[in-house]
PDB file of all heavy atoms in Angstrom:
ATOM      1  N   ALA A   1       0.767  -1.235  -0.008  1.00  0.00           N
ATOM      2  CA  ALA A   1       0.009   0.003   0.004  1.00  0.00           C
ATOM      3  C   ALA A   1       0.820   1.259  -0.020  1.00  0.00           C
ATOM      4  O   ALA A   1       0.254   2.364   0.157  1.00  0.00           O
ATOM      5  CB  ALA A   1      -0.921  -0.012   1.197  1.00  0.00           C
ATOM      6  N   ALA A   2       2.142   1.186  -0.163  1.00  0.00           N
ATOM      7  CA  ALA A   2       2.964   2.420  -0.089  1.00  0.00           C
ATOM      8  C   ALA A   2       2.930   3.172  -1.383  1.00  0.00           C
ATOM      9  O   ALA A   2       3.345   4.330  -1.450  1.00  0.00           O
ATOM     10  CB  ALA A   2       4.419   2.025   0.269  1.00  0.00           C
ATOM     11  N   SER A   3       2.466   2.572  -2.465  1.00  0.00           N
ATOM     12  CA  SER A   3       2.427   3.241  -3.772  1.00  0.00           C
ATOM     13  C   SER A   3       1.444   2.540  -4.698  1.00  0.00           C
ATOM     14  O   SER A   3       0.890   1.473  -4.362  1.00  0.00           O
ATOM     15  CB  SER A   3       3.824   3.239  -4.396  1.00  0.00           C
ATOM     16  OG  SER A   3       4.213   1.907  -4.692  1.00  0.00           O
ATOM     17  N   GLY A   4       1.246   3.123  -5.847  1.00  0.00           N
ATOM     18  CA  GLY A   4       0.516   2.458  -6.921  1.00  0.00           C
ATOM     19  C   GLY A   4      -0.942   2.107  -6.590  1.00  0.00           C
ATOM     20  O   GLY A   4      -1.628   2.825  -5.892  1.00  0.00           O
ATOM     21  N   LEU A   5      -1.354   0.940  -7.085  1.00  0.00           N
ATOM     22  CA  LEU A   5      -2.734   0.508  -6.908  1.00  0.00           C
ATOM     23  C   LEU A   5      -3.046   0.275  -5.417  1.00  0.00           C
ATOM     24  O   LEU A   5      -4.195   0.579  -4.976  1.00  0.00           O
ATOM     25  CB  LEU A   5      -2.993  -0.765  -7.707  1.00  0.00           C
ATOM     26  CG  LEU A   5      -2.770  -0.672  -9.212  1.00  0.00           C
ATOM     27  CD1 LEU A   5      -3.158  -2.003  -9.881  1.00  0.00           C
ATOM     28  CD2 LEU A   5      -3.518   0.490  -9.821  1.00  0.00           C
ATOM     29  N   GLY A   6      -2.109  -0.264  -4.666  1.00  0.00           N
ATOM     30  CA  GLY A   6      -2.364  -0.493  -3.239  1.00  0.00           C
ATOM     31  C   GLY A   6      -2.660   0.805  -2.506  1.00  0.00           C
ATOM     32  O   GLY A   6      -3.559   0.833  -1.649  1.00  0.00           O
ATOM     33  N   LEU A   7      -1.907   1.822  -2.822  1.00  0.00           N
ATOM     34  CA  LEU A   7      -2.186   3.136  -2.201  1.00  0.00           C
ATOM     35  C   LEU A   7      -3.553   3.658  -2.639  1.00  0.00           C
ATOM     36  O   LEU A   7      -4.258   4.226  -1.795  1.00  0.00           O
ATOM     37  CB  LEU A   7      -1.073   4.113  -2.636  1.00  0.00           C
ATOM     38  CG  LEU A   7      -1.197   5.544  -2.069  1.00  0.00           C
ATOM     39  CD1 LEU A   7      -1.252   5.552  -0.549  1.00  0.00           C
ATOM     40  CD2 LEU A   7      -0.031   6.379  -2.576  1.00  0.00           C
ATOM     41  N   ALA A   8      -3.888   3.464  -3.889  1.00  0.00           N
ATOM     42  CA  ALA A   8      -5.242   3.861  -4.349  1.00  0.00           C
ATOM     43  C   ALA A   8      -6.353   3.096  -3.613  1.00  0.00           C
ATOM     44  O   ALA A   8      -7.369   3.686  -3.256  1.00  0.00           O
ATOM     45  CB  ALA A   8      -5.392   3.646  -5.841  1.00  0.00           C
ATOM     46  N   PHE A   9      -6.161   1.820  -3.414  1.00  0.00           N
ATOM     47  CA  PHE A   9      -7.126   1.034  -2.614  1.00  0.00           C
ATOM     48  C   PHE A   9      -7.264   1.565  -1.217  1.00  0.00           C
ATOM     49  O   PHE A   9      -8.373   1.706  -0.702  1.00  0.00           O
ATOM     50  CB  PHE A   9      -6.706  -0.418  -2.579  1.00  0.00           C
ATOM     51  CG  PHE A   9      -6.646  -1.106  -3.906  1.00  0.00           C
ATOM     52  CD1 PHE A   9      -5.786  -2.212  -4.113  1.00  0.00           C
ATOM     53  CD2 PHE A   9      -7.413  -0.714  -4.979  1.00  0.00           C
ATOM     54  CE1 PHE A   9      -5.751  -2.858  -5.313  1.00  0.00           C
ATOM     55  CE2 PHE A   9      -7.386  -1.348  -6.214  1.00  0.00           C
ATOM     56  CZ  PHE A   9      -6.518  -2.434  -6.400  1.00  0.00           C
ATOM     57  N   ALA A  10      -6.123   1.856  -0.567  1.00  0.00           N
ATOM     58  CA  ALA A  10      -6.152   2.346   0.823  1.00  0.00           C
ATOM     59  C   ALA A  10      -6.863   3.714   0.889  1.00  0.00           C
ATOM     60  O   ALA A  10      -7.711   3.931   1.750  1.00  0.00           O
ATOM     61  CB  ALA A  10      -4.750   2.478   1.340  1.00  0.00           C
ATOM     62  N   GLU A  11      -6.576   4.595  -0.029  1.00  0.00           N
ATOM     63  CA  GLU A  11      -7.226   5.909  -0.076  1.00  0.00           C
ATOM     64  C   GLU A  11      -8.721   5.789  -0.218  1.00  0.00           C
ATOM     65  O   GLU A  11      -9.526   6.442   0.429  1.00  0.00           O
ATOM     66  CB  GLU A  11      -6.650   6.754  -1.217  1.00  0.00           C
ATOM     67  CG  GLU A  11      -5.218   7.193  -0.951  1.00  0.00           C
ATOM     68  CD  GLU A  11      -4.622   7.904  -2.169  1.00  0.00           C
ATOM     69  OE1 GLU A  11      -5.168   7.723  -3.294  1.00  0.00           O
ATOM     70  OE2 GLU A  11      -3.660   8.664  -1.976  1.00  0.00           O
ATOM     71  N   THR A  12      -9.136   4.848  -1.095  1.00  0.00           N
ATOM     72  CA  THR A  12     -10.551   4.597  -1.339  1.00  0.00           C
ATOM     73  C   THR A  12     -11.248   4.072  -0.066  1.00  0.00           C
ATOM     74  O   THR A  12     -12.339   4.521   0.276  1.00  0.00           O
ATOM     75  CB  THR A  12     -10.723   3.581  -2.487  1.00  0.00           C
ATOM     76  OG1 THR A  12     -10.069   4.064  -3.630  1.00  0.00           O
ATOM     77  CG2 THR A  12     -12.210   3.407  -2.801  1.00  0.00           C
ATOM     78  N   MET A  13     -10.620   3.130   0.596  1.00  0.00           N
ATOM     79  CA  MET A  13     -11.226   2.551   1.814  1.00  0.00           C
ATOM     80  C   MET A  13     -11.367   3.612   2.891  1.00  0.00           C
ATOM     81  O   MET A  13     -12.392   3.729   3.593  1.00  0.00           O
ATOM     82  CB  MET A  13     -10.354   1.417   2.338  1.00  0.00           C
ATOM     83  CG  MET A  13     -10.219   0.208   1.367  1.00  0.00           C
ATOM     84  SD  MET A  13     -11.796  -0.553   0.880  1.00  0.00           S
ATOM     85  CE  MET A  13     -12.021   0.155  -0.753  1.00  0.00           C
ATOM     86  N   LEU A  14     -10.347   4.446   3.044  1.00  0.00           N
ATOM     87  CA  LEU A  14     -10.390   5.497   4.062  1.00  0.00           C
ATOM     88  C   LEU A  14     -11.439   6.541   3.723  1.00  0.00           C
ATOM     89  O   LEU A  14     -12.196   6.960   4.634  1.00  0.00           O
ATOM     90  CB  LEU A  14      -9.006   6.169   4.171  1.00  0.00           C
ATOM     91  CG  LEU A  14      -7.911   5.329   4.810  1.00  0.00           C
ATOM     92  CD1 LEU A  14      -6.538   5.901   4.481  1.00  0.00           C
ATOM     93  CD2 LEU A  14      -8.126   5.231   6.334  1.00  0.00           C
ATOM     94  N   GLU A  15     -11.578   6.927   2.492  1.00  0.00           N
ATOM     95  CA  GLU A  15     -12.549   7.932   2.109  1.00  0.00           C
ATOM     96  C   GLU A  15     -13.989   7.371   2.321  1.00  0.00           C
ATOM     97  O   GLU A  15     -14.906   8.145   2.615  1.00  0.00           O
ATOM     98  CB  GLU A  15     -12.335   8.336   0.656  1.00  0.00           C
ATOM     99  CG  GLU A  15     -13.226   9.514   0.224  1.00  0.00           C
ATOM    100  CD  GLU A  15     -12.877  10.060  -1.107  1.00  0.00           C
ATOM    101  OE1 GLU A  15     -11.777   9.677  -1.652  1.00  0.00           O
ATOM    102  OE2 GLU A  15     -13.651  10.868  -1.655  1.00  0.00           O
ATOM    103  N   ALA A  16     -14.114   6.054   2.174  1.00  0.00           N
ATOM    104  CA  ALA A  16     -15.442   5.444   2.377  1.00  0.00           C
ATOM    105  C   ALA A  16     -15.737   5.148   3.863  1.00  0.00           C
ATOM    106  O   ALA A  16     -16.818   4.678   4.210  1.00  0.00           O
ATOM    107  CB  ALA A  16     -15.555   4.154   1.596  1.00  0.00           C
ATOM    108  N   GLY A  17     -14.794   5.485   4.765  1.00  0.00           N
ATOM    109  CA  GLY A  17     -15.047   5.404   6.186  1.00  0.00           C
ATOM    110  C   GLY A  17     -14.432   4.252   6.915  1.00  0.00           C
ATOM    111  O   GLY A  17     -14.687   4.063   8.134  1.00  0.00           O
ATOM    112  N   ALA A  18     -13.616   3.404   6.242  1.00  0.00           N
ATOM    113  CA  ALA A  18     -13.069   2.213   6.902  1.00  0.00           C
ATOM    114  C   ALA A  18     -11.773   2.486   7.627  1.00  0.00           C
ATOM    115  O   ALA A  18     -10.957   3.284   7.154  1.00  0.00           O
ATOM    116  CB  ALA A  18     -12.816   1.140   5.834  1.00  0.00           C
ATOM    117  N   ARG A  19     -11.580   1.833   8.771  1.00  0.00           N
ATOM    118  CA  ARG A  19     -10.275   1.816   9.418  1.00  0.00           C
ATOM    119  C   ARG A  19      -9.381   0.964   8.533  1.00  0.00           C
ATOM    120  O   ARG A  19      -9.728  -0.190   8.210  1.00  0.00           O
ATOM    121  CB  ARG A  19     -10.385   1.222  10.813  1.00  0.00           C
ATOM    122  CG  ARG A  19      -9.052   1.162  11.514  1.00  0.00           C
ATOM    123  CD  ARG A  19      -9.205   0.573  12.908  1.00  0.00           C
ATOM    124  NE  ARG A  19     -10.088   1.360  13.735  1.00  0.00           N
ATOM    125  CZ  ARG A  19      -9.680   2.413  14.433  1.00  0.00           C
ATOM    126  NH1 ARG A  19      -8.428   2.829  14.337  1.00  0.00           N
ATOM    127  NH2 ARG A  19     -10.521   3.119  15.165  1.00  0.00           N
ATOM    128  N   THR A  20      -8.286   1.467   8.065  1.00  0.00           N
ATOM    129  CA  THR A  20      -7.480   0.828   7.066  1.00  0.00           C
ATOM    130  C   THR A  20      -6.039   0.649   7.480  1.00  0.00           C
ATOM    131  O   THR A  20      -5.333   1.632   7.781  1.00  0.00           O
ATOM    132  CB  THR A  20      -7.528   1.614   5.723  1.00  0.00           C
ATOM    133  OG1 THR A  20      -8.873   1.802   5.336  1.00  0.00           O
ATOM    134  CG2 THR A  20      -6.776   0.890   4.649  1.00  0.00           C
ATOM    135  N   LEU A  21      -5.583  -0.625   7.549  1.00  0.00           N
ATOM    136  CA  LEU A  21      -4.221  -0.943   7.868  1.00  0.00           C
ATOM    137  C   LEU A  21      -3.449  -1.134   6.537  1.00  0.00           C
ATOM    138  O   LEU A  21      -3.751  -2.008   5.766  1.00  0.00           O
ATOM    139  CB  LEU A  21      -4.114  -2.166   8.707  1.00  0.00           C
ATOM    140  CG  LEU A  21      -2.704  -2.687   9.048  1.00  0.00           C
ATOM    141  CD1 LEU A  21      -1.869  -1.654   9.737  1.00  0.00           C
ATOM    142  CD2 LEU A  21      -2.747  -4.007   9.823  1.00  0.00           C
ATOM    143  N   MET A  22      -2.475  -0.259   6.306  1.00  0.00           N
ATOM    144  CA  MET A  22      -1.659  -0.287   5.116  1.00  0.00           C
ATOM    145  C   MET A  22      -0.337  -0.965   5.424  1.00  0.00           C
ATOM    146  O   MET A  22       0.306  -0.685   6.383  1.00  0.00           O
ATOM    147  CB  MET A  22      -1.388   1.134   4.644  1.00  0.00           C
ATOM    148  CG  MET A  22      -2.641   1.963   4.381  1.00  0.00           C
ATOM    149  SD  MET A  22      -2.302   3.744   4.283  1.00  0.00           S
ATOM    150  CE  MET A  22      -1.147   3.825   2.894  1.00  0.00           C
ATOM    151  N   THR A  23       0.059  -1.954   4.545  1.00  0.00           N
ATOM    152  CA  THR A  23       1.334  -2.609   4.774  1.00  0.00           C
ATOM    153  C   THR A  23       2.193  -2.562   3.533  1.00  0.00           C
ATOM    154  O   THR A  23       1.678  -2.419   2.397  1.00  0.00           O
ATOM    155  CB  THR A  23       1.162  -4.099   5.167  1.00  0.00           C
ATOM    156  OG1 THR A  23       0.776  -4.878   3.958  1.00  0.00           O
ATOM    157  CG2 THR A  23       0.101  -4.261   6.262  1.00  0.00           C
ATOM    158  N   ASP A  24       3.480  -2.657   3.720  1.00  0.00           N
ATOM    159  CA  ASP A  24       4.423  -2.662   2.586  1.00  0.00           C
ATOM    160  C   ASP A  24       5.789  -3.048   3.131  1.00  0.00           C
ATOM    161  O   ASP A  24       6.054  -2.931   4.319  1.00  0.00           O
ATOM    162  CB  ASP A  24       4.494  -1.277   1.918  1.00  0.00           C
ATOM    163  CG  ASP A  24       4.952  -1.342   0.473  1.00  0.00           C
ATOM    164  OD1 ASP A  24       6.193  -1.485   0.260  1.00  0.00           O
ATOM    165  OD2 ASP A  24       4.104  -1.223  -0.412  1.00  0.00           O
ATOM    166  N   MET A  25       6.666  -3.528   2.245  1.00  0.00           N
ATOM    167  CA  MET A  25       8.038  -3.841   2.614  1.00  0.00           C
ATOM    168  C   MET A  25       8.867  -2.593   2.736  1.00  0.00           C
ATOM    169  O   MET A  25       9.900  -2.568   3.446  1.00  0.00           O
ATOM    170  CB  MET A  25       8.703  -4.787   1.593  1.00  0.00           C
ATOM    171  CG  MET A  25       8.221  -6.212   1.689  1.00  0.00           C
ATOM    172  SD  MET A  25       9.175  -7.297   0.570  1.00  0.00           S
ATOM    173  CE  MET A  25      10.806  -7.206   1.313  1.00  0.00           C
ATOM    174  N   ASP A  26       8.516  -1.520   1.981  1.00  0.00           N
ATOM    175  CA  ASP A  26       9.253  -0.294   2.035  1.00  0.00           C
ATOM    176  C   ASP A  26       8.790   0.560   3.198  1.00  0.00           C
ATOM    177  O   ASP A  26       7.819   1.347   3.094  1.00  0.00           O
ATOM    178  CB  ASP A  26       9.057   0.447   0.695  1.00  0.00           C
ATOM    179  CG  ASP A  26       9.966   1.674   0.571  1.00  0.00           C
ATOM    180  OD1 ASP A  26      10.371   2.251   1.558  1.00  0.00           O
ATOM    181  OD2 ASP A  26      10.175   2.086  -0.622  1.00  0.00           O
ATOM    182  N   ALA A  27       9.458   0.443   4.337  1.00  0.00           N
ATOM    183  CA  ALA A  27       8.997   1.121   5.572  1.00  0.00           C
ATOM    184  C   ALA A  27       8.974   2.613   5.451  1.00  0.00           C
ATOM    185  O   ALA A  27       8.071   3.263   5.918  1.00  0.00           O
ATOM    186  CB  ALA A  27       9.889   0.691   6.730  1.00  0.00           C
ATOM    187  N   GLN A  28       9.985   3.186   4.763  1.00  0.00           N
ATOM    188  CA  GLN A  28      10.080   4.618   4.647  1.00  0.00           C
ATOM    189  C   GLN A  28       8.973   5.194   3.789  1.00  0.00           C
ATOM    190  O   GLN A  28       8.330   6.165   4.160  1.00  0.00           O
ATOM    191  CB  GLN A  28      11.458   5.041   4.095  1.00  0.00           C
ATOM    192  CG  GLN A  28      11.683   6.512   4.033  1.00  0.00           C
ATOM    193  CD  GLN A  28      13.106   6.867   3.558  1.00  0.00           C
ATOM    194  OE1 GLN A  28      13.920   6.004   3.285  1.00  0.00           O
ATOM    195  NE2 GLN A  28      13.359   8.141   3.478  1.00  0.00           N
ATOM    196  N   ALA A  29       8.748   4.607   2.636  1.00  0.00           N
ATOM    197  CA  ALA A  29       7.670   5.050   1.742  1.00  0.00           C
ATOM    198  C   ALA A  29       6.306   4.856   2.419  1.00  0.00           C
ATOM    199  O   ALA A  29       5.399   5.755   2.286  1.00  0.00           O
ATOM    200  CB  ALA A  29       7.745   4.292   0.403  1.00  0.00           C
ATOM    201  N   LEU A  30       6.149   3.732   3.085  1.00  0.00           N
ATOM    202  CA  LEU A  30       4.870   3.492   3.758  1.00  0.00           C
ATOM    203  C   LEU A  30       4.572   4.502   4.840  1.00  0.00           C
ATOM    204  O   LEU A  30       3.484   5.049   4.922  1.00  0.00           O
ATOM    205  CB  LEU A  30       4.885   2.066   4.374  1.00  0.00           C
ATOM    206  CG  LEU A  30       3.634   1.693   5.172  1.00  0.00           C
ATOM    207  CD1 LEU A  30       2.436   1.565   4.251  1.00  0.00           C
ATOM    208  CD2 LEU A  30       3.877   0.340   5.914  1.00  0.00           C
ATOM    209  N   ASP A  31       5.580   4.795   5.681  1.00  0.00           N
ATOM    210  CA  ASP A  31       5.368   5.757   6.747  1.00  0.00           C
ATOM    211  C   ASP A  31       5.000   7.123   6.208  1.00  0.00           C
ATOM    212  O   ASP A  31       4.140   7.798   6.759  1.00  0.00           O
ATOM    213  CB  ASP A  31       6.650   5.873   7.617  1.00  0.00           C
ATOM    214  CG  ASP A  31       6.452   6.795   8.790  1.00  0.00           C
ATOM    215  OD1 ASP A  31       5.672   6.467   9.672  1.00  0.00           O
ATOM    216  OD2 ASP A  31       7.126   7.834   8.815  1.00  0.00           O
ATOM    217  N   ALA A  32       5.654   7.529   5.086  1.00  0.00           N
ATOM    218  CA  ALA A  32       5.353   8.806   4.500  1.00  0.00           C
ATOM    219  C   ALA A  32       3.864   8.856   4.028  1.00  0.00           C
ATOM    220  O   ALA A  32       3.196   9.864   4.252  1.00  0.00           O
ATOM    221  CB  ALA A  32       6.283   9.085   3.303  1.00  0.00           C
ATOM    222  N   GLN A  33       3.419   7.779   3.446  1.00  0.00           N
ATOM    223  CA  GLN A  33       2.021   7.778   2.929  1.00  0.00           C
ATOM    224  C   GLN A  33       1.022   7.715   4.076  1.00  0.00           C
ATOM    225  O   GLN A  33      -0.028   8.363   4.051  1.00  0.00           O
ATOM    226  CB  GLN A  33       1.840   6.636   1.968  1.00  0.00           C
ATOM    227  CG  GLN A  33       2.597   6.737   0.693  1.00  0.00           C
ATOM    228  CD  GLN A  33       2.161   7.933  -0.172  1.00  0.00           C
ATOM    229  OE1 GLN A  33       1.153   8.580   0.086  1.00  0.00           O
ATOM    230  NE2 GLN A  33       2.995   8.278  -1.147  1.00  0.00           N
ATOM    231  N   VAL A  34       1.326   6.928   5.083  1.00  0.00           N
ATOM    232  CA  VAL A  34       0.393   6.825   6.220  1.00  0.00           C
ATOM    233  C   VAL A  34       0.290   8.175   6.931  1.00  0.00           C
ATOM    234  O   VAL A  34      -0.821   8.633   7.245  1.00  0.00           O
ATOM    235  CB  VAL A  34       0.889   5.750   7.211  1.00  0.00           C
ATOM    236  CG1 VAL A  34       0.047   5.790   8.501  1.00  0.00           C
ATOM    237  CG2 VAL A  34       0.786   4.360   6.603  1.00  0.00           C
ATOM    238  N   GLN A  35       1.416   8.833   7.118  1.00  0.00           N
ATOM    239  CA  GLN A  35       1.366  10.166   7.789  1.00  0.00           C
ATOM    240  C   GLN A  35       0.607  11.184   6.907  1.00  0.00           C
ATOM    241  O   GLN A  35      -0.140  12.014   7.439  1.00  0.00           O
ATOM    242  CB  GLN A  35       2.797  10.645   8.094  1.00  0.00           C
ATOM    243  CG  GLN A  35       3.544   9.790   9.082  1.00  0.00           C
ATOM    244  CD  GLN A  35       2.729   9.529  10.352  1.00  0.00           C
ATOM    245  OE1 GLN A  35       2.162  10.460  10.957  1.00  0.00           O
ATOM    246  NE2 GLN A  35       2.693   8.301  10.809  1.00  0.00           N
ATOM    247  N   ARG A  36       0.804  11.127   5.638  1.00  0.00           N
ATOM    248  CA  ARG A  36       0.067  12.013   4.740  1.00  0.00           C
ATOM    249  C   ARG A  36      -1.427  11.826   4.814  1.00  0.00           C
ATOM    250  O   ARG A  36      -2.228  12.751   4.939  1.00  0.00           O
ATOM    251  CB  ARG A  36       0.539  11.809   3.277  1.00  0.00           C
ATOM    252  CG  ARG A  36      -0.218  12.664   2.250  1.00  0.00           C
ATOM    253  CD  ARG A  36       0.239  12.355   0.840  1.00  0.00           C
ATOM    254  NE  ARG A  36      -0.103  11.038   0.385  1.00  0.00           N
ATOM    255  CZ  ARG A  36      -1.300  10.716  -0.111  1.00  0.00           C
ATOM    256  NH1 ARG A  36      -2.263  11.624  -0.233  1.00  0.00           N
ATOM    257  NH2 ARG A  36      -1.563   9.484  -0.528  1.00  0.00           N
ATOM    258  N   LEU A  37      -1.843  10.540   4.817  1.00  0.00           N
ATOM    259  CA  LEU A  37      -3.272  10.208   4.873  1.00  0.00           C
ATOM    260  C   LEU A  37      -3.878  10.513   6.207  1.00  0.00           C
ATOM    261  O   LEU A  37      -5.069  10.860   6.314  1.00  0.00           O
ATOM    262  CB  LEU A  37      -3.478   8.774   4.442  1.00  0.00           C
ATOM    263  CG  LEU A  37      -3.217   8.469   2.966  1.00  0.00           C
ATOM    264  CD1 LEU A  37      -3.244   6.971   2.693  1.00  0.00           C
ATOM    265  CD2 LEU A  37      -4.260   9.195   2.102  1.00  0.00           C
ATOM    266  N   LYS A  38      -3.123  10.289   7.290  1.00  0.00           N
ATOM    267  CA  LYS A  38      -3.637  10.523   8.607  1.00  0.00           C
ATOM    268  C   LYS A  38      -4.053  11.961   8.829  1.00  0.00           C
ATOM    269  O   LYS A  38      -4.947  12.216   9.647  1.00  0.00           O
ATOM    270  CB  LYS A  38      -2.576  10.128   9.650  1.00  0.00           C
ATOM    271  CG  LYS A  38      -2.664   8.745  10.242  1.00  0.00           C
ATOM    272  CD  LYS A  38      -1.691   8.538  11.365  1.00  0.00           C
ATOM    273  CE  LYS A  38      -1.822   7.187  12.007  1.00  0.00           C
ATOM    274  NZ  LYS A  38      -3.112   7.028  12.660  1.00  0.00           N
ATOM    275  N   SER A  39      -3.478  12.874   8.121  1.00  0.00           N
ATOM    276  CA  SER A  39      -3.870  14.285   8.258  1.00  0.00           C
ATOM    277  C   SER A  39      -5.315  14.487   7.815  1.00  0.00           C
ATOM    278  O   SER A  39      -5.935  15.431   8.286  1.00  0.00           O
ATOM    279  CB  SER A  39      -2.929  15.179   7.469  1.00  0.00           C
ATOM    280  OG  SER A  39      -3.040  14.934   6.070  1.00  0.00           O
ATOM    281  N   ARG A  40      -5.818  13.635   6.920  1.00  0.00           N
ATOM    282  CA  ARG A  40      -7.196  13.706   6.488  1.00  0.00           C
ATOM    283  C   ARG A  40      -8.064  12.601   7.046  1.00  0.00           C
ATOM    284  O   ARG A  40      -9.258  12.770   7.244  1.00  0.00           O
ATOM    285  CB  ARG A  40      -7.228  13.638   4.974  1.00  0.00           C
ATOM    286  CG  ARG A  40      -6.596  14.813   4.240  1.00  0.00           C
ATOM    287  CD  ARG A  40      -6.700  14.626   2.742  1.00  0.00           C
ATOM    288  NE  ARG A  40      -8.097  14.474   2.257  1.00  0.00           N
ATOM    289  CZ  ARG A  40      -8.420  14.023   1.046  1.00  0.00           C
ATOM    290  NH1 ARG A  40      -7.486  13.615   0.227  1.00  0.00           N
ATOM    291  NH2 ARG A  40      -9.690  13.931   0.688  1.00  0.00           N
ATOM    292  N   TYR A  41      -7.446  11.410   7.247  1.00  0.00           N
ATOM    293  CA  TYR A  41      -8.213  10.256   7.666  1.00  0.00           C
ATOM    294  C   TYR A  41      -7.512   9.651   8.900  1.00  0.00           C
ATOM    295  O   TYR A  41      -6.617   8.862   8.787  1.00  0.00           O
ATOM    296  CB  TYR A  41      -8.252   9.207   6.551  1.00  0.00           C
ATOM    297  CG  TYR A  41      -8.741   9.756   5.208  1.00  0.00           C
ATOM    298  CD1 TYR A  41      -7.850   9.889   4.131  1.00  0.00           C
ATOM    299  CD2 TYR A  41     -10.075  10.119   5.023  1.00  0.00           C
ATOM    300  CE1 TYR A  41      -8.308  10.338   2.914  1.00  0.00           C
ATOM    301  CE2 TYR A  41     -10.526  10.606   3.824  1.00  0.00           C
ATOM    302  CZ  TYR A  41      -9.643  10.705   2.771  1.00  0.00           C
ATOM    303  OH  TYR A  41     -10.082  11.186   1.560  1.00  0.00           O
ATOM    304  N   PRO A  42      -8.022   9.973  10.065  1.00  0.00           N
ATOM    305  CA  PRO A  42      -7.371   9.487  11.320  1.00  0.00           C
ATOM    306  C   PRO A  42      -7.345   7.954  11.460  1.00  0.00           C
ATOM    307  O   PRO A  42      -6.613   7.410  12.276  1.00  0.00           O
ATOM    308  CB  PRO A  42      -8.223  10.104  12.443  1.00  0.00           C
ATOM    309  CG  PRO A  42      -8.870  11.312  11.779  1.00  0.00           C
ATOM    310  CD  PRO A  42      -9.080  10.918  10.369  1.00  0.00           C
ATOM    311  N   LEU A  43      -8.182   7.270  10.646  1.00  0.00           N
ATOM    312  CA  LEU A  43      -8.263   5.793  10.777  1.00  0.00           C
ATOM    313  C   LEU A  43      -7.193   5.089   9.931  1.00  0.00           C
ATOM    314  O   LEU A  43      -7.238   3.868   9.813  1.00  0.00           O
ATOM    315  CB  LEU A  43      -9.658   5.326  10.333  1.00  0.00           C
ATOM    316  CG  LEU A  43     -10.831   5.789  11.214  1.00  0.00           C
ATOM    317  CD1 LEU A  43     -12.144   5.300  10.698  1.00  0.00           C
ATOM    318  CD2 LEU A  43     -10.634   5.368  12.661  1.00  0.00           C
ATOM    319  N   ALA A  44      -6.265   5.827   9.362  1.00  0.00           N
ATOM    320  CA  ALA A  44      -5.177   5.188   8.608  1.00  0.00           C
ATOM    321  C   ALA A  44      -4.117   4.647   9.591  1.00  0.00           C
ATOM    322  O   ALA A  44      -3.698   5.299  10.541  1.00  0.00           O
ATOM    323  CB  ALA A  44      -4.497   6.209   7.678  1.00  0.00           C
ATOM    324  N   GLU A  45      -3.663   3.431   9.338  1.00  0.00           N
ATOM    325  CA  GLU A  45      -2.616   2.790  10.135  1.00  0.00           C
ATOM    326  C   GLU A  45      -1.605   2.183   9.193  1.00  0.00           C
ATOM    327  O   GLU A  45      -1.874   1.955   8.004  1.00  0.00           O
ATOM    328  CB  GLU A  45      -3.219   1.686  11.007  1.00  0.00           C
ATOM    329  CG  GLU A  45      -4.313   2.155  11.952  1.00  0.00           C
ATOM    330  CD  GLU A  45      -4.955   0.964  12.692  1.00  0.00           C
ATOM    331  OE1 GLU A  45      -4.754  -0.206  12.275  1.00  0.00           O
ATOM    332  OE2 GLU A  45      -5.654   1.201  13.676  1.00  0.00           O
ATOM    333  N   GLY A  46      -0.395   1.890   9.665  1.00  0.00           N
ATOM    334  CA  GLY A  46       0.656   1.300   8.822  1.00  0.00           C
ATOM    335  C   GLY A  46       1.457   0.266   9.568  1.00  0.00           C
ATOM    336  O   GLY A  46       1.627   0.363  10.817  1.00  0.00           O
TER     337      GLY A  46
END
């Protein structure tokens, strides 16, 4: 979920109201995306 289609899926789930756990092997990229999304969607996790 740190990029590409996985990130799009996570954004969609969060916008629809779901608590969403995002995972990826790239810890740095994942953390950056989770923090970006948390500013709009507090239910984002990584």
